[in-house]
Amino acid sequence: MDKTFVKGLAVLELLAHAENEKGVSEIAREMGLTKSNVHRLLTTLQGLGYVTQVPRNNAYELTSKLWELGARVHSRLDVTKVARGPMSDLESATGETVHLSILDGWEVVYVGKLDGTHPIKAYTTIGGRAPAWCVATGKALLAHSATSRVDQIAARLARFTERTIVDREALLAELETIRHEGYAVNQGEWRDGVSGIAAPVYSADGSVTAAIGISGPSARFRQKDLKARWPLVVEAAAAVSKAMGYHAEIPPARPVTHSR
């Protein structure tokens, strides 16, 4: 275990529980460390944006960075709870496997799943992962991600089937289409013969925190099926967004024909 890392976390916890800012000597005394050691830890934490020095007395206090990180984690945990009802409704309406996904690096992680009622279905597990550019929930999330993240992913595109997007410009064009249409489609891009539809879930601050979608055999996701099903997926995602505290109007999805 990295002792310096552990000490840095201990400083953060100490400041988090403190009612007021604390100086180097006070922190050193409470933690049983030397003042030089504490000063080095605080300098590093300050450089990373976790603590700031108060000008009037040169003591230290936390910035809002920890709160921001915690808020993001909290929103992800909340979404799994509030999504249960809309996911159940979507499963009942389509009979397909329903997924709730979040982004983690270049992959999506399935944080919620309902198996669907069809005997032949897409096989996934909660906690399972998939390349974000290959699945519908991943593309719905990427369409609303920072340019820097999209650029990083676009630089590492790998092929999994003949339909996988491996060209950067093609991916960017598809993400623009998704933003315009309001939903994403995967047609056998991650696994041959498995397709899906997904839409983004908005949190209270207007950011896209998750995506909800359905998947199953491609034979059940032909163009006529997409036309009937994408409104159901968008409706489910909007219901989750509303439950997450998002009250702004979500742009209406558009029934554009997908060629992929």
Protein backbone atom coordinates (compact mmCIF):
# COMPACT_ATOMS: atom_id res chain seq x y z
CA MET A 1 0.00 0.00 0.00
CA ASP A 2 1.36 3.44 -0.96
CA LYS A 3 1.92 5.22 2.36
CA THR A 4 2.06 8.71 0.82
CA PHE A 5 -1.25 8.13 -0.95
CA VAL A 6 -2.83 6.90 2.29
CA LYS A 7 -1.55 9.96 4.16
CA GLY A 8 -2.96 12.24 1.47
CA LEU A 9 -6.37 10.64 1.82
CA ALA A 10 -6.12 11.00 5.61
CA VAL A 11 -5.49 14.73 5.20
CA LEU A 12 -8.56 15.03 2.98
CA GLU A 13 -10.69 13.20 5.54
CA LEU A 14 -9.36 15.36 8.35
CA LEU A 15 -10.22 18.57 6.51
CA ALA A 16 -13.59 17.18 5.46
CA HIS A 17 -14.58 16.60 9.09
CA ALA A 18 -13.16 19.88 10.35
CA GLU A 19 -15.48 22.78 11.12
CA ASN A 20 -12.85 25.34 10.11
CA GLU A 21 -9.70 25.51 8.03
CA LYS A 22 -6.55 24.05 9.58
CA GLY A 23 -2.90 25.07 9.49
CA VAL A 24 0.12 22.89 8.80
CA SER A 25 1.13 22.66 12.47
CA GLU A 26 -2.37 21.71 13.59
CA ILE A 27 -2.71 19.01 10.94
CA ALA A 28 0.75 17.66 11.76
CA ARG A 29 -0.09 17.47 15.45
CA GLU A 30 -3.44 15.73 14.92
CA MET A 31 -2.02 13.23 12.45
CA GLY A 32 1.29 12.59 14.21
CA LEU A 33 3.33 13.68 11.18
CA THR A 34 6.13 16.16 10.71
CA LYS A 35 5.26 19.63 9.48
CA SER A 36 7.44 19.18 6.40
CA ASN A 37 5.59 15.97 5.51
CA VAL A 38 2.20 17.66 5.90
CA HIS A 39 3.34 20.66 3.87
CA ARG A 40 4.37 18.38 0.99
CA LEU A 41 1.03 16.57 1.10
CA LEU A 42 -0.92 19.83 1.13
CA THR A 43 1.14 21.26 -1.72
CA THR A 44 0.34 18.19 -3.83
CA LEU A 45 -3.36 18.29 -2.95
CA GLN A 46 -3.46 21.99 -3.71
CA GLY A 47 -1.84 21.40 -7.09
CA LEU A 48 -4.49 18.79 -7.87
CA GLY A 49 -7.27 21.20 -6.88
CA TYR A 50 -8.49 19.39 -3.76
CA VAL A 51 -7.45 21.97 -1.16
CA THR A 52 -6.91 25.72 -1.14
CA GLN A 53 -4.99 28.04 1.15
CA VAL A 54 -6.93 30.72 3.01
CA PRO A 55 -5.11 34.07 2.54
CA ARG A 56 -5.98 35.57 5.94
CA ASN A 57 -4.15 32.91 7.98
CA ASN A 58 -2.42 30.60 5.44
CA ALA A 59 -4.48 27.66 6.72
CA TYR A 60 -5.99 25.06 4.39
CA GLU A 61 -9.52 23.97 3.55
CA LEU A 62 -11.13 21.73 0.98
CA THR A 63 -12.31 22.99 -2.39
CA SER A 64 -15.58 21.79 -3.95
CA LYS A 65 -13.76 19.18 -6.04
CA LEU A 66 -14.53 16.31 -3.67
CA TRP A 67 -18.18 17.36 -3.60
CA GLU A 68 -18.25 17.42 -7.40
CA LEU A 69 -16.81 13.91 -7.61
CA GLY A 70 -19.17 12.67 -4.93
CA ALA A 71 -22.13 14.24 -6.68
CA ARG A 72 -21.28 12.40 -9.87
CA VAL A 73 -21.04 9.08 -8.04
CA HIS A 74 -24.25 9.82 -6.16
CA SER A 75 -26.11 10.57 -9.37
CA ARG A 76 -24.97 7.27 -10.82
CA LEU A 77 -26.16 5.39 -7.76
CA ASP A 78 -29.47 7.24 -7.73
CA VAL A 79 -30.19 6.50 -11.38
CA THR A 80 -30.24 2.75 -10.78
CA LYS A 81 -33.05 3.23 -8.26
CA VAL A 82 -35.24 5.70 -10.12
CA ALA A 83 -34.85 3.80 -13.40
CA ARG A 84 -36.49 0.60 -12.16
CA GLY A 85 -40.07 1.60 -12.96
CA PRO A 86 -39.42 2.96 -16.48
CA MET A 87 -37.17 -0.03 -17.24
CA SER A 88 -39.94 -2.42 -16.19
CA ASP A 89 -42.45 -0.56 -18.37
CA LEU A 90 -40.06 -0.73 -21.32
CA GLU A 91 -39.51 -4.45 -20.81
CA SER A 92 -43.27 -5.03 -20.73
CA ALA A 93 -43.83 -2.95 -23.86
CA THR A 94 -41.08 -4.53 -25.97
CA GLY A 95 -40.30 -7.92 -24.44
CA GLU A 96 -36.61 -7.16 -25.00
CA THR A 97 -33.66 -7.06 -22.63
CA VAL A 98 -33.44 -3.59 -21.05
CA HIS A 99 -30.12 -2.04 -20.04
CA LEU A 100 -29.10 0.94 -17.97
CA SER A 101 -25.52 1.97 -18.70
CA ILE A 102 -22.91 4.51 -17.62
CA LEU A 103 -19.59 5.45 -19.20
CA ASP A 104 -16.33 4.35 -17.63
CA GLY A 105 -13.34 5.31 -19.75
CA TRP A 106 -13.85 3.92 -23.25
CA GLU A 107 -16.44 1.36 -22.15
CA VAL A 108 -20.00 1.27 -20.96
CA VAL A 109 -20.80 -0.52 -17.71
CA TYR A 110 -24.21 -2.13 -17.32
CA VAL A 111 -25.50 -0.93 -13.95
CA GLY A 112 -29.06 -2.14 -14.44
CA LYS A 113 -30.69 -4.91 -16.47
CA LEU A 114 -34.02 -6.65 -17.03
CA ASP A 115 -33.92 -9.87 -19.02
CA GLY A 116 -36.99 -9.43 -21.20
CA THR A 117 -39.67 -11.99 -21.95
CA HIS A 118 -38.46 -13.43 -25.26
CA PRO A 119 -36.86 -16.88 -25.03
CA ILE A 120 -34.02 -15.75 -27.33
CA LYS A 121 -32.36 -12.63 -25.96
CA ALA A 122 -29.11 -10.69 -25.70
CA TYR A 123 -26.78 -12.09 -23.05
CA THR A 124 -25.26 -9.51 -20.71
CA THR A 125 -24.68 -9.16 -16.99
CA ILE A 126 -24.87 -6.30 -14.50
CA GLY A 127 -21.31 -5.06 -14.14
CA GLY A 128 -20.51 -6.26 -17.65
CA ARG A 129 -18.75 -3.97 -20.09
CA ALA A 130 -18.78 -3.23 -23.81
CA PRO A 131 -16.88 -0.84 -26.09
CA ALA A 132 -18.85 2.43 -26.04
CA TRP A 133 -18.69 3.03 -29.79
CA CYS A 134 -20.19 -0.38 -30.54
CA VAL A 135 -23.41 -0.44 -28.50
CA ALA A 136 -26.47 1.79 -28.50
CA THR A 137 -26.22 2.93 -24.88
CA GLY A 138 -22.55 3.74 -25.38
CA LYS A 139 -23.19 5.79 -28.49
CA ALA A 140 -26.03 7.66 -26.76
CA LEU A 141 -23.59 8.56 -23.96
CA LEU A 142 -20.72 9.48 -26.29
CA ALA A 143 -23.00 11.80 -28.25
CA HIS A 144 -23.25 13.95 -25.13
CA SER A 145 -19.69 13.56 -23.85
CA ALA A 146 -16.84 16.05 -23.82
CA THR A 147 -14.93 16.40 -27.08
CA SER A 148 -11.73 15.31 -25.34
CA ARG A 149 -13.25 11.98 -24.31
CA VAL A 150 -14.66 11.36 -27.79
CA ASP A 151 -11.28 12.16 -29.33
CA GLN A 152 -9.54 9.70 -27.01
CA ILE A 153 -11.98 6.96 -27.91
CA ALA A 154 -11.89 7.81 -31.62
CA ALA A 155 -8.14 7.27 -31.53
CA ARG A 156 -8.52 3.65 -30.38
CA LEU A 157 -11.42 2.33 -32.48
CA ALA A 158 -11.21 -1.43 -32.91
CA ARG A 159 -13.29 -3.74 -35.07
CA PHE A 160 -15.47 -6.46 -33.58
CA THR A 161 -17.81 -7.22 -36.49
CA GLU A 162 -18.10 -6.14 -40.12
CA ARG A 163 -20.47 -3.38 -39.02
CA THR A 164 -18.27 -1.87 -36.29
CA ILE A 165 -17.45 1.81 -36.80
CA VAL A 166 -13.67 2.05 -37.07
CA ASP A 167 -13.35 5.40 -38.86
CA ARG A 168 -13.08 8.54 -36.73
CA GLU A 169 -15.06 10.75 -39.08
CA ALA A 170 -17.79 8.13 -39.41
CA LEU A 171 -18.08 7.96 -35.62
CA LEU A 172 -18.28 11.74 -35.27
CA ALA A 173 -20.95 11.87 -37.97
CA GLU A 174 -22.98 9.18 -36.22
CA LEU A 175 -22.75 10.98 -32.88
CA GLU A 176 -24.00 14.16 -34.53
CA THR A 177 -26.93 12.19 -35.99
CA ILE A 178 -27.69 10.79 -32.52
CA ARG A 179 -27.76 14.27 -31.01
CA HIS A 180 -30.13 15.34 -33.78
CA GLU A 181 -32.41 12.31 -33.57
CA GLY A 182 -32.43 11.88 -29.80
CA TYR A 183 -31.64 8.17 -29.79
CA ALA A 184 -28.90 5.75 -30.88
CA VAL A 185 -28.97 2.45 -32.74
CA ASN A 186 -26.54 -0.46 -32.79
CA GLN A 187 -27.03 -2.92 -35.62
CA GLY A 188 -24.67 -5.81 -34.99
CA GLU A 189 -21.63 -3.63 -34.27
CA TRP A 190 -20.51 -5.34 -31.04
CA ARG A 191 -21.84 -8.85 -31.56
CA ASP A 192 -23.00 -10.29 -34.87
CA GLY A 193 -26.76 -10.61 -34.95
CA VAL A 194 -27.38 -8.48 -31.83
CA SER A 195 -28.88 -5.00 -32.17
CA GLY A 196 -30.22 -2.31 -29.89
CA ILE A 197 -31.77 1.12 -29.39
CA ALA A 198 -30.91 3.57 -26.59
CA ALA A 199 -31.56 7.12 -25.43
CA PRO A 200 -29.72 9.39 -22.97
CA VAL A 201 -30.75 10.01 -19.38
CA TYR A 202 -30.31 13.55 -18.05
CA SER A 203 -29.53 14.43 -14.45
CA ALA A 204 -30.84 17.50 -12.60
CA ASP A 205 -27.94 19.68 -13.76
CA GLY A 206 -28.61 18.93 -17.40
CA SER A 207 -25.68 16.58 -17.93
CA VAL A 208 -26.17 13.13 -19.43
CA THR A 209 -25.37 10.67 -16.68
CA ALA A 210 -26.61 7.36 -18.10
CA ALA A 211 -28.41 5.75 -21.02
CA ILE A 212 -31.31 3.35 -21.17
CA GLY A 213 -31.85 0.94 -24.04
CA ILE A 214 -33.12 -2.36 -25.33
CA SER A 215 -31.27 -5.08 -27.20
CA GLY A 216 -31.94 -8.42 -28.82
CA PRO A 217 -31.55 -10.45 -32.02
CA SER A 218 -31.17 -8.25 -35.10
CA ALA A 219 -34.13 -9.99 -36.71
CA ARG A 220 -36.33 -8.13 -34.21
CA PHE A 221 -34.62 -4.77 -34.88
CA ARG A 222 -35.30 -4.23 -38.55
CA GLN A 223 -36.25 -0.80 -39.86
CA LYS A 224 -39.96 -1.31 -39.25
CA ASP A 225 -39.19 -2.47 -35.70
CA LEU A 226 -37.03 0.60 -35.04
CA LYS A 227 -39.87 2.86 -36.12
CA ALA A 228 -42.20 1.29 -33.59
CA ARG A 229 -39.72 0.96 -30.74
CA TRP A 230 -37.50 4.03 -30.60
CA PRO A 231 -40.35 6.21 -29.22
CA LEU A 232 -40.77 3.72 -26.35
CA VAL A 233 -37.07 3.88 -25.52
CA VAL A 234 -37.03 7.69 -25.67
CA GLU A 235 -40.13 7.82 -23.46
CA ALA A 236 -38.48 5.55 -20.86
CA ALA A 237 -35.29 7.64 -20.83
CA ALA A 238 -37.35 10.82 -20.44
CA ALA A 239 -39.20 9.28 -17.48
CA VAL A 240 -35.90 8.44 -15.78
CA SER A 241 -34.57 11.94 -16.51
CA LYS A 242 -37.66 13.48 -14.91
CA ALA A 243 -37.23 11.27 -11.86
CA MET A 244 -33.60 12.43 -11.65
CA GLY A 245 -34.82 16.01 -11.32
CA TYR A 246 -34.35 17.12 -14.92
CA HIS A 247 -37.23 19.45 -15.72
CA ALA A 248 -36.07 21.18 -18.89
CA GLU A 249 -37.74 20.15 -22.12
CA ILE A 250 -35.94 17.29 -23.84
CA PRO A 251 -35.70 17.94 -27.59
CA PRO A 252 -38.16 15.69 -29.44
CA ALA A 253 -36.63 12.66 -31.10
CA ARG A 254 -36.85 12.53 -34.87
CA PRO A 255 -37.73 9.43 -36.91
CA VAL A 256 -34.70 9.44 -39.22
CA THR A 257 -33.96 6.31 -41.23
CA HIS A 258 -30.80 4.53 -40.12
CA SER A 259 -28.64 2.92 -42.76
CA ARG A 260 -26.25 1.13 -40.43
